[in-house]
């Protein structure tokens, strides 16, 4: 059950990315290990994020030169937070059938800490992006970033069963 819940959540996280990038390698990774499958899906998601951002932002050549290095720095920190989110989902799956009140509260506190850390990261990088881009473009990037994150969060939430 744990692997089924975990794979369902991760699969739904990047359903758009997988639909475009599904290969025989994906099926092989899924069969080998949930962790390998998660990493493949995350890689697809990162690639599709870059495509979406590129198409939506309409950077000038100069804006692109300053945006992408900072974006890669932001993405690395965001991925580290994503590792925490995946660990939280795994913890939830591991404990789903034996959930106690204390464990449920621990999971919720961890989830809220993840949200706080993500918001803190975005606030920090909003200032950094605003220094290198016009304010409207920095704001537009974070609108796009939040929409992508919101879709992923919605897919995760729809796949995770509620506490019993």
Protein backbone atom coordinates (compact mmCIF):
# COMPACT_ATOMS: atom_id res chain seq x y z
CA UNK A 1 0.00 0.00 0.00
CA UNK A 2 2.83 2.39 0.89
CA UNK A 3 4.40 2.13 -2.57
CA UNK A 4 1.03 2.46 -4.29
CA UNK A 5 0.16 5.67 -2.38
CA UNK A 6 3.63 7.10 -2.95
CA UNK A 7 3.69 6.29 -6.64
CA UNK A 8 0.19 7.66 -7.13
CA UNK A 9 1.10 10.94 -5.48
CA UNK A 10 4.34 11.40 -7.34
CA UNK A 11 2.76 10.37 -10.62
CA UNK A 12 0.05 12.95 -10.21
CA UNK A 13 2.60 15.60 -9.20
CA UNK A 14 3.95 15.71 -12.69
CA UNK A 15 1.17 14.31 -14.82
CA UNK A 16 1.63 17.04 -17.42
CA UNK A 17 5.36 16.46 -17.58
CA UNK A 18 4.96 12.73 -17.83
CA UNK A 19 2.38 13.01 -20.58
CA UNK A 20 4.93 14.88 -22.69
CA UNK A 21 8.07 13.01 -21.65
CA UNK A 22 6.91 9.42 -21.03
CA UNK A 23 9.43 6.91 -22.35
CA UNK A 24 10.28 3.27 -21.89
CA UNK A 25 12.90 4.44 -19.39
CA UNK A 26 10.13 5.85 -17.18
CA UNK A 27 8.35 2.51 -17.06
CA UNK A 28 11.60 0.72 -16.27
CA UNK A 29 12.43 3.17 -13.46
CA UNK A 30 8.93 2.77 -12.01
CA UNK A 31 9.36 -0.97 -11.87
CA UNK A 32 12.81 -0.73 -10.26
CA UNK A 33 12.22 1.66 -7.40
CA UNK A 34 9.88 4.45 -6.29
CA UNK A 35 12.92 6.65 -5.57
CA UNK A 36 14.27 6.25 -9.09
CA UNK A 37 10.82 6.97 -10.49
CA UNK A 38 10.51 10.07 -8.30
CA UNK A 39 13.86 11.38 -9.54
CA UNK A 40 12.92 10.78 -13.17
CA UNK A 41 9.63 12.58 -12.70
CA UNK A 42 11.32 15.47 -10.91
CA UNK A 43 13.76 15.78 -13.80
CA UNK A 44 10.87 15.90 -16.27
CA UNK A 45 9.15 18.51 -14.14
CA UNK A 46 12.26 20.70 -14.00
CA UNK A 47 12.63 20.57 -17.77
CA UNK A 48 8.99 21.45 -18.29
CA UNK A 49 9.21 24.31 -15.76
CA UNK A 50 12.05 25.82 -17.79
CA UNK A 51 10.00 25.51 -20.97
CA UNK A 52 6.93 27.11 -19.37
CA UNK A 53 8.98 29.95 -17.87
CA UNK A 54 10.81 30.58 -21.14
CA UNK A 55 7.59 30.73 -23.14
CA UNK A 56 5.71 32.87 -20.64
CA UNK A 57 8.39 35.37 -19.66
CA UNK A 58 9.52 36.64 -23.07
CA UNK A 59 12.94 37.61 -21.76
CA UNK A 60 15.17 39.93 -23.71
CA UNK A 61 18.60 38.49 -24.36
CA UNK A 62 20.07 40.53 -21.50
CA UNK A 63 17.27 39.55 -19.08
CA UNK A 64 17.79 35.88 -19.91
CA UNK A 65 21.52 36.15 -19.23
CA UNK A 66 20.91 37.43 -15.69
CA UNK A 67 17.73 35.47 -14.94
CA UNK A 68 18.80 31.88 -15.62
CA UNK A 69 21.84 31.71 -13.30
CA UNK A 70 19.76 33.10 -10.43
CA UNK A 71 16.89 30.78 -11.36
CA UNK A 72 19.22 27.76 -11.16
CA UNK A 73 20.28 28.86 -7.67
CA UNK A 74 16.60 29.27 -6.68
CA UNK A 75 15.72 25.91 -8.21
CA UNK A 76 18.43 24.12 -6.21
CA UNK A 77 17.07 25.53 -2.96
CA UNK A 78 13.51 24.73 -4.04
CA UNK A 79 14.58 21.15 -4.84
CA UNK A 80 16.05 20.79 -1.36
CA UNK A 81 12.67 21.80 0.06
CA UNK A 82 11.05 19.38 -2.37
CA UNK A 83 13.17 16.61 -0.85
CA UNK A 84 11.55 17.45 2.48
CA UNK A 85 8.10 17.28 0.91
CA UNK A 86 8.83 13.88 -0.61
CA UNK A 87 10.11 12.65 2.76
CA UNK A 88 6.88 13.89 4.35
CA UNK A 89 4.77 12.02 1.79
CA UNK A 90 6.81 8.86 2.37
CA UNK A 91 6.36 9.25 6.13
CA UNK A 92 2.61 9.66 5.64
CA UNK A 93 2.48 6.57 3.43
CA UNK A 94 4.57 4.55 5.89
CA UNK A 95 2.23 5.42 8.76
CA UNK A 96 -1.12 5.64 7.00
CA UNK A 97 -2.59 2.38 8.28
CA UNK A 98 -1.19 2.76 11.80
CA UNK A 99 -1.76 6.51 12.18
CA UNK A 100 -1.92 7.80 15.73
CA UNK A 101 -3.10 11.21 16.89
CA UNK A 102 0.47 12.17 17.78
CA UNK A 103 1.84 11.09 14.39
CA UNK A 104 -0.93 12.94 12.56
CA UNK A 105 -0.09 16.12 14.46
CA UNK A 106 3.62 15.64 13.77
CA UNK A 107 2.93 15.26 10.05
CA UNK A 108 0.77 18.39 9.98
CA UNK A 109 3.39 20.44 11.82
CA UNK A 110 6.05 19.21 9.40
CA UNK A 111 3.79 20.11 6.47
CA UNK A 112 3.25 23.61 7.82
CA UNK A 113 6.99 24.04 8.39
CA UNK A 114 7.54 23.08 4.76
CA UNK A 115 5.03 25.76 3.71
CA UNK A 116 6.76 28.35 5.91
CA UNK A 117 10.19 27.50 4.51
CA UNK A 118 8.92 27.67 0.95
CA UNK A 119 7.35 31.08 1.54
CA UNK A 120 10.56 32.30 3.18
CA UNK A 121 12.56 31.13 0.15
CA UNK A 122 10.19 32.88 -2.27
CA UNK A 123 10.32 36.12 -0.29
CA UNK A 124 14.11 36.01 -0.30
CA UNK A 125 14.32 35.38 -4.04
CA UNK A 126 11.66 37.92 -4.94
CA UNK A 127 14.07 40.60 -3.74
CA UNK A 128 16.94 39.02 -5.68
CA UNK A 129 14.94 38.76 -8.90
CA UNK A 130 13.65 42.32 -8.50
CA UNK A 131 17.26 43.53 -8.46
CA UNK A 132 18.01 42.01 -11.85
CA UNK A 133 14.64 42.29 -13.62
CA UNK A 134 11.96 44.96 -13.88
CA UNK A 135 9.48 44.58 -11.00
CA UNK A 136 6.68 43.43 -13.27
CA UNK A 137 8.84 40.64 -14.71
CA UNK A 138 10.02 39.52 -11.28
CA UNK A 139 6.39 39.46 -10.11
CA UNK A 140 5.30 37.62 -13.26
CA UNK A 141 7.93 34.96 -12.67
CA UNK A 142 6.59 34.34 -9.18
CA UNK A 143 3.03 34.23 -10.49
CA UNK A 144 4.10 31.49 -12.88
CA UNK A 145 6.11 29.74 -10.16
CA UNK A 146 3.11 29.78 -7.79
CA UNK A 147 0.73 28.52 -10.49
CA UNK A 148 2.99 25.58 -11.25
CA UNK A 149 3.42 24.85 -7.52
CA UNK A 150 -0.33 25.21 -7.00
CA UNK A 151 -1.08 22.65 -9.71
CA UNK A 152 1.42 20.23 -8.21
CA UNK A 153 -0.02 20.77 -4.72
CA UNK A 154 -3.54 20.18 -6.04
CA UNK A 155 -2.48 16.95 -7.71
CA UNK A 156 -0.77 15.75 -4.54
CA UNK A 157 -3.76 16.67 -2.38
CA UNK A 158 -6.17 14.89 -4.70
CA UNK A 159 -4.06 11.71 -4.60
CA UNK A 160 -3.46 11.53 -0.86
CA UNK A 161 -6.21 9.90 1.16
CA UNK A 162 -7.45 11.88 4.15
CA UNK A 163 -6.59 10.82 7.67
CA UNK A 164 -9.02 8.18 8.89
